[in-house]
Protein backbone atom coordinates (compact mmCIF):
# COMPACT_ATOMS: atom_id res chain seq x y z
CA MET A 1 0.00 0.00 0.00
CA ARG A 2 2.91 2.33 0.70
CA ASN A 3 4.18 1.84 -2.85
CA LEU A 4 0.73 2.73 -4.20
CA ARG A 5 0.66 5.97 -2.19
CA GLU A 6 3.96 7.00 -3.77
CA LEU A 7 2.34 6.90 -7.22
CA THR A 8 -0.73 9.04 -6.57
CA THR A 9 -2.01 11.96 -4.52
CA ALA A 10 -5.33 10.15 -4.13
CA ARG A 11 -6.33 9.20 -0.59
CA VAL A 12 -5.52 5.50 -0.46
CA GLY A 13 -4.26 3.39 2.41
CA LEU A 14 -5.06 5.96 5.08
CA GLY A 15 -5.11 3.43 7.88
CA ARG A 16 -7.62 3.14 10.70
CA THR A 17 -8.05 4.19 14.30
CA GLY A 18 -10.95 2.18 15.71
CA ASN A 19 -13.88 2.79 13.34
CA SER A 20 -12.42 6.02 11.94
CA VAL A 21 -9.38 7.24 10.04
CA PRO A 22 -6.30 8.54 11.88
CA VAL A 23 -6.34 12.13 13.11
CA ARG A 24 -3.60 13.18 10.67
CA ALA A 25 -5.60 11.87 7.70
CA MET A 26 -8.72 13.69 8.91
CA LEU A 27 -6.86 16.97 9.35
CA GLU A 28 -5.25 16.66 5.91
CA PHE A 29 -8.70 16.06 4.40
CA GLN A 30 -10.11 19.14 6.11
CA LEU A 31 -7.16 21.22 4.91
CA ALA A 32 -7.62 20.02 1.32
CA HIS A 33 -11.33 20.82 1.50
CA ALA A 34 -10.56 24.32 2.78
CA ARG A 35 -8.07 24.89 -0.05
CA ALA A 36 -10.65 23.81 -2.62
CA ARG A 37 -13.23 26.23 -1.19
CA ASP A 38 -10.65 29.02 -1.09
CA ALA A 39 -9.79 28.39 -4.76
CA VAL A 40 -13.44 28.90 -5.78
CA HIS A 41 -13.59 32.25 -3.98
CA TYR A 42 -10.04 33.36 -4.80
CA PRO A 43 -10.07 37.03 -5.92
CA PHE A 44 -9.63 37.26 -9.68
CA ASN A 45 -7.45 39.94 -11.25
CA PRO A 46 -8.77 40.53 -14.81
CA ALA A 47 -5.57 42.40 -15.69
CA ILE A 48 -3.61 39.16 -15.36
CA ILE A 49 -2.99 39.06 -19.14
CA PRO A 50 -1.23 42.25 -20.31
CA GLY A 51 -3.03 44.03 -23.13
CA ALA A 52 -6.08 41.76 -23.08
CA VAL A 53 -9.64 42.93 -23.74
CA ILE A 54 -11.56 42.62 -20.46
CA VAL A 55 -15.25 41.68 -20.55
CA GLN A 56 -17.84 40.35 -18.12
CA SER A 57 -20.50 37.68 -18.26
CA ALA A 58 -24.17 38.33 -17.50
CA ALA A 59 -23.58 37.27 -13.87
CA SER A 60 -23.42 40.44 -11.78
CA ASP A 61 -21.19 39.06 -9.01
CA ARG A 62 -19.49 35.88 -7.79
CA VAL A 63 -22.47 34.70 -5.77
CA GLU A 64 -24.82 34.97 -8.74
CA TYR A 65 -22.22 33.31 -10.94
CA LEU A 66 -22.08 30.26 -8.67
CA ARG A 67 -25.86 30.06 -8.34
CA ARG A 68 -26.70 30.74 -12.01
CA PRO A 69 -24.40 28.84 -14.38
CA ASP A 70 -26.56 29.97 -17.31
CA LEU A 71 -25.57 33.61 -16.76
CA GLY A 72 -21.89 32.67 -16.92
CA ARG A 73 -22.43 31.28 -20.42
CA LYS A 74 -23.42 34.59 -22.00
CA LEU A 75 -21.90 38.05 -22.17
CA SER A 76 -23.16 41.06 -20.32
CA PRO A 77 -25.40 43.18 -22.58
CA HIS A 78 -22.96 46.06 -22.04
CA VAL A 79 -20.05 44.24 -23.74
CA SER A 80 -18.90 45.45 -27.16
CA LEU A 81 -16.38 43.55 -29.29
CA ASP A 82 -14.84 44.61 -32.60
CA LYS A 83 -15.29 41.98 -35.31
CA GLY A 84 -12.48 40.95 -37.62
CA ASP A 85 -11.29 37.94 -39.60
CA TYR A 86 -9.19 35.78 -37.28
CA ASP A 87 -7.91 32.23 -37.25
CA ALA A 88 -8.30 31.96 -33.48
CA VAL A 89 -9.14 33.80 -30.29
CA PHE A 90 -7.94 32.89 -26.80
CA VAL A 91 -10.48 33.51 -24.05
CA VAL A 92 -9.34 33.40 -20.41
CA CYS A 93 -12.07 32.87 -17.81
CA ASP A 94 -11.78 32.71 -14.03
CA GLY A 95 -14.20 29.78 -13.90
CA LEU A 96 -14.39 27.83 -10.66
CA SER A 97 -10.72 28.30 -9.80
CA PRO A 98 -9.31 31.78 -10.38
CA LEU A 99 -6.24 30.46 -8.58
CA ALA A 100 -5.56 28.08 -11.49
CA VAL A 101 -5.83 30.92 -13.99
CA GLU A 102 -3.45 33.09 -11.99
CA ARG A 103 -0.84 30.34 -11.83
CA HIS A 104 -1.01 28.67 -15.24
CA ALA A 105 -2.89 30.71 -17.89
CA LEU A 106 -0.13 33.14 -18.85
CA PRO A 107 2.68 30.52 -19.01
CA LEU A 108 0.50 28.33 -21.24
CA LEU A 109 -0.43 31.26 -23.48
CA ASN A 110 3.20 32.29 -23.85
CA GLU A 111 4.23 28.76 -24.77
CA VAL A 112 1.47 28.34 -27.36
CA MET A 113 1.33 31.78 -28.98
CA ARG A 114 5.05 32.03 -29.70
CA ARG A 115 4.69 28.94 -31.91
CA LEU A 116 1.63 29.97 -33.90
CA ASP A 117 3.56 31.39 -36.85
CA GLY A 118 1.30 32.48 -39.69
CA TRP A 119 -1.86 32.51 -37.58
CA GLN A 120 -4.03 35.59 -37.51
CA LEU A 121 -4.88 35.88 -33.81
CA ALA A 122 -7.56 38.07 -32.29
CA PRO A 123 -6.77 40.11 -29.18
CA ILE A 124 -6.86 37.91 -26.08
CA VAL A 125 -10.15 38.28 -24.21
CA VAL A 126 -10.31 37.97 -20.42
CA CYS A 127 -13.83 37.28 -19.17
CA GLU A 128 -14.82 37.75 -15.55
CA ARG A 129 -17.29 35.19 -14.18
CA GLY A 130 -17.29 33.19 -17.39
CA ARG A 131 -18.18 29.57 -18.14
CA VAL A 132 -16.80 27.48 -21.01
CA ALA A 133 -19.67 28.19 -23.40
CA ILE A 134 -19.13 31.95 -23.26
CA GLY A 135 -16.22 31.37 -25.65
CA ASP A 136 -18.78 30.48 -28.32
CA GLU A 137 -20.40 33.91 -28.16
CA ILE A 138 -17.06 35.70 -27.94
CA GLY A 139 -15.63 33.75 -30.88
CA GLU A 140 -18.70 34.41 -33.01
CA ARG A 141 -18.83 38.11 -32.23
CA ILE A 142 -15.11 38.67 -32.72
CA GLY A 143 -14.98 36.73 -36.00
CA ALA A 144 -12.68 33.83 -35.07
CA LYS A 145 -12.63 30.43 -36.75
CA ILE A 146 -11.41 28.78 -33.53
CA ALA A 147 -12.11 29.71 -29.92
CA VAL A 148 -9.80 28.40 -27.20
CA VAL A 149 -11.09 28.92 -23.66
CA LEU A 150 -8.63 28.68 -20.77
CA ILE A 151 -10.60 28.32 -17.56
CA GLY A 152 -10.16 27.38 -13.91
CA GLU A 153 -11.67 23.94 -13.37
CA ARG A 154 -13.78 22.85 -10.41
CA PRO A 155 -11.27 22.22 -7.59
CA GLY A 156 -10.74 18.71 -6.32
CA LEU A 157 -9.46 17.70 -2.91
CA SER A 158 -5.96 17.29 -4.34
CA SER A 159 -6.15 19.76 -7.23
CA PRO A 160 -7.31 23.27 -6.28
CA ASP A 161 -5.42 24.88 -9.19
CA SER A 162 -6.34 22.80 -12.23
CA LEU A 163 -6.62 24.69 -15.55
CA GLY A 164 -8.70 23.47 -18.48
CA ALA A 165 -8.40 24.33 -22.19
CA TYR A 166 -11.46 23.98 -24.46
CA LEU A 167 -11.22 24.26 -28.25
CA THR A 168 -14.21 24.88 -30.53
CA TRP A 169 -14.22 25.17 -34.32
CA ALA A 170 -16.59 27.77 -35.81
CA PRO A 171 -17.76 29.02 -32.40
CA ARG A 172 -21.32 30.25 -32.18
CA ILE A 173 -24.06 30.38 -29.57
CA GLY A 174 -25.63 26.96 -29.13
CA ARG A 175 -22.54 24.80 -29.60
CA THR A 176 -22.58 21.68 -27.41
CA ASP A 177 -19.81 20.08 -25.37
CA ALA A 178 -19.64 17.28 -27.98
CA GLU A 179 -18.47 19.91 -30.47
CA ARG A 180 -15.38 20.93 -28.51
CA ASN A 181 -12.15 19.33 -27.36
CA CYS A 182 -10.94 19.51 -23.77
CA ILE A 183 -7.46 19.35 -22.25
CA SER A 184 -7.88 18.99 -18.50
CA ASN A 185 -5.78 19.07 -15.32
CA ILE A 186 -3.12 21.47 -16.60
CA ARG A 187 -0.81 22.05 -13.63
CA PRO A 188 2.65 20.85 -12.54
CA GLU A 189 1.21 17.87 -10.62
CA GLY A 190 -1.00 16.89 -13.56
CA LEU A 191 -0.36 17.75 -17.23
CA ASP A 192 2.55 20.19 -17.20
CA ILE A 193 2.65 23.35 -19.31
CA GLY A 194 5.00 21.95 -21.99
CA PRO A 195 3.00 18.81 -22.85
CA ALA A 196 -0.27 20.75 -22.56
CA ALA A 197 1.00 23.34 -25.06
CA GLU A 198 2.10 20.60 -27.47
CA LEU A 199 -1.33 18.95 -27.32
CA LEU A 200 -3.18 22.24 -27.73
CA LEU A 201 -1.04 23.23 -30.72
CA LEU A 202 -1.71 19.85 -32.32
CA LEU A 203 -5.46 20.17 -31.80
CA MET A 204 -5.53 23.74 -33.13
CA THR A 205 -3.57 22.77 -36.24
CA GLN A 206 -5.76 19.76 -36.95
CA SER A 207 -8.91 21.73 -36.27
CA ARG A 208 -7.95 24.42 -38.78
CA THR A 209 -6.93 21.83 -41.39
CA ARG A 210 -10.00 19.63 -41.03
CA GLN A 211 -12.41 22.44 -40.10
CA LEU A 212 -13.98 20.63 -37.17
CA SER A 213 -13.65 19.96 -33.47
CA GLY A 214 -15.18 17.76 -30.81
CA VAL A 215 -15.81 14.03 -30.97
CA HIS A 216 -14.66 13.86 -34.60
CA LEU A 217 -11.27 15.42 -33.86
CA LYS A 218 -8.84 13.20 -31.98
CA PRO A 219 -5.06 13.66 -31.74
CA PRO A 220 -3.03 10.67 -32.92
CA SER A 221 -2.33 8.10 -30.25
CA VAL A 222 1.10 8.16 -28.63
CA PRO A 223 2.91 4.95 -29.65
CA VAL A 224 3.69 2.52 -26.87
CA LEU A 225 7.34 1.59 -26.90
CA GLU A 226 8.26 -2.02 -26.27
CA PRO A 227 10.49 -2.52 -23.21
């Protein structure tokens, strides 16, 4: 069991004290739960991406955002975006873990954007209180063929700072989750920035070439090397 615990941060082999778990395991669980709750309510700085266009969803504050997911999927009626002809737009949303966005969004953007030679990129959009689907409206209104949403994922008890990347071809209001690709658990203890950037670049390139995304767009499998 000790060897298994060395391979994962999951709570396995905690031991037992009578009919309960040991005090240390209980305290560690409570600490992890507190960190997850703190990540949800972590104050978001919309100026985290230099030079980005800052917009807001239809949710008026964090409490309404958490209670009304539907409002986080559409832009505030006061938002105005200039339309152009772009290959892609990157949308950064605080989501359910602003902490993840603060830690990982800019390093991932820097790694990906410096390698998109020949792409016509829209200005980066930072959306306060946004959900994944808000990238569809932003992409449609800004005139982008691909929308990539970087968003803080729902914190787990061992992953309060997990970033997700969602790619959608031909974004428009009404797209479903089956029509987008997801790269999840982007963080040093999960999928690190380098491999995440490689996978995102591959998906963006294939999406532009094949003009699709979602269940019909799968990156090639990584070959398994014989020992």
